[in-house]
């Protein structure tokens, strides 16, 4: 059983907190393996603030350490 929160629509992603993002490639959903943060102009890696080019479709709170 998966106890993690359900995926939310990317349009509701909050700013200023670590998130787990999902992207769709073909017919599969993939979760990114690192925490991301929403920035005014796109997405950044949570730990490094490095800008990433990604088109996520869903998010949920980052729960991994």
Foldseek 3Di string as FASTA:
>chain_A
DDPFDDWDFPVPADADAWKWFWADDDNDIDIDPFTWGADPVGIATPPPRHGDDDDTGTIGHDDDD
